[in-house]
Amino acid sequence: MLWTLAVILIVLWLLGVITSYTMRGFIHILLVIAIIVVLVRIIQGQAPF
């Protein structure tokens, strides 16, 4: 579930960067949150997927 969310956010972020339409930085914020969640899960010893 988390892996799917991270992939979707990365794709949306790339689309936003390519088209220069990022919904006022909202996609970038979601991407950063997804990366932080994955890193926290790795640090806690859980599988990030």
C-alpha atoms as a PDB file:
ATOM      1  CA  MET A   1       0.000   0.000   0.000  1.00  0.00           C
ATOM      2  CA  LEU A   2       2.728   2.453   0.999  1.00  0.00           C
ATOM      3  CA  TRP A   3       4.846   1.467  -1.998  1.00  0.00           C
ATOM      4  CA  THR A   4       1.907   2.072  -4.344  1.00  0.00           C
ATOM      5  CA  LEU A   5       1.262   5.469  -2.789  1.00  0.00           C
ATOM      6  CA  ALA A   6       4.929   6.423  -3.119  1.00  0.00           C
ATOM      7  CA  VAL A   7       4.991   5.421  -6.805  1.00  0.00           C
ATOM      8  CA  ILE A   8       1.807   7.368  -7.540  1.00  0.00           C
ATOM      9  CA  LEU A   9       3.175  10.452  -5.794  1.00  0.00           C
ATOM     10  CA  ILE A  10       6.478  10.233  -7.675  1.00  0.00           C
ATOM     11  CA  VAL A  11       4.668   9.955 -11.014  1.00  0.00           C
ATOM     12  CA  LEU A  12       2.424  12.918 -10.174  1.00  0.00           C
ATOM     13  CA  TRP A  13       5.452  14.902  -9.015  1.00  0.00           C
ATOM     14  CA  LEU A  14       7.298  14.195 -12.254  1.00  0.00           C
ATOM     15  CA  LEU A  15       4.244  15.212 -14.265  1.00  0.00           C
ATOM     16  CA  GLY A  16       4.082  18.417 -12.268  1.00  0.00           C
ATOM     17  CA  VAL A  17       7.735  19.183 -12.854  1.00  0.00           C
ATOM     18  CA  ILE A  18       7.490  18.410 -16.568  1.00  0.00           C
ATOM     19  CA  THR A  19       4.387  20.505 -17.129  1.00  0.00           C
ATOM     20  CA  SER A  20       5.380  23.212 -14.616  1.00  0.00           C
ATOM     21  CA  TYR A  21       1.997  22.790 -12.977  1.00  0.00           C
ATOM     22  CA  THR A  22       2.472  21.640  -9.399  1.00  0.00           C
ATOM     23  CA  MET A  23      -0.758  22.827  -7.760  1.00  0.00           C
ATOM     24  CA  ARG A  24       1.153  25.416  -5.706  1.00  0.00           C
ATOM     25  CA  GLY A  25       3.705  22.922  -4.413  1.00  0.00           C
ATOM     26  CA  PHE A  26       1.126  20.436  -3.102  1.00  0.00           C
ATOM     27  CA  ILE A  27       2.617  17.528  -5.063  1.00  0.00           C
ATOM     28  CA  HIS A  28       6.089  18.344  -3.740  1.00  0.00           C
ATOM     29  CA  ILE A  29       4.812  18.336  -0.165  1.00  0.00           C
ATOM     30  CA  LEU A  30       3.137  14.952  -0.683  1.00  0.00           C
ATOM     31  CA  LEU A  31       6.325  13.539  -2.189  1.00  0.00           C
ATOM     32  CA  VAL A  32       8.403  14.684   0.772  1.00  0.00           C
ATOM     33  CA  ILE A  33       5.871  13.171   3.197  1.00  0.00           C
ATOM     34  CA  ALA A  34       5.951   9.855   1.309  1.00  0.00           C
ATOM     35  CA  ILE A  35       9.761   9.756   1.417  1.00  0.00           C
ATOM     36  CA  ILE A  36       9.792  10.538   5.141  1.00  0.00           C
ATOM     37  CA  VAL A  37       7.276   7.754   5.837  1.00  0.00           C
ATOM     38  CA  VAL A  38       9.355   5.232   3.873  1.00  0.00           C
ATOM     39  CA  LEU A  39      12.546   6.280   5.681  1.00  0.00           C
ATOM     40  CA  VAL A  40      10.874   6.026   9.097  1.00  0.00           C
ATOM     41  CA  ARG A  41       9.658   2.510   8.278  1.00  0.00           C
ATOM     42  CA  ILE A  42      13.179   1.499   7.181  1.00  0.00           C
ATOM     43  CA  ILE A  43      14.718   2.956  10.354  1.00  0.00           C
ATOM     44  CA  GLN A  44      12.167   1.100  12.490  1.00  0.00           C
ATOM     45  CA  GLY A  45      13.206  -2.145  10.813  1.00  0.00           C
ATOM     46  CA  GLN A  46      10.010  -2.764   8.910  1.00  0.00           C
ATOM     47  CA  ALA A  47       9.892  -3.531   5.210  1.00  0.00           C
ATOM     48  CA  PRO A  48       9.164  -0.278   3.333  1.00  0.00           C
ATOM     49  CA  PHE A  49       6.872  -2.050   0.858  1.00  0.00           C
END
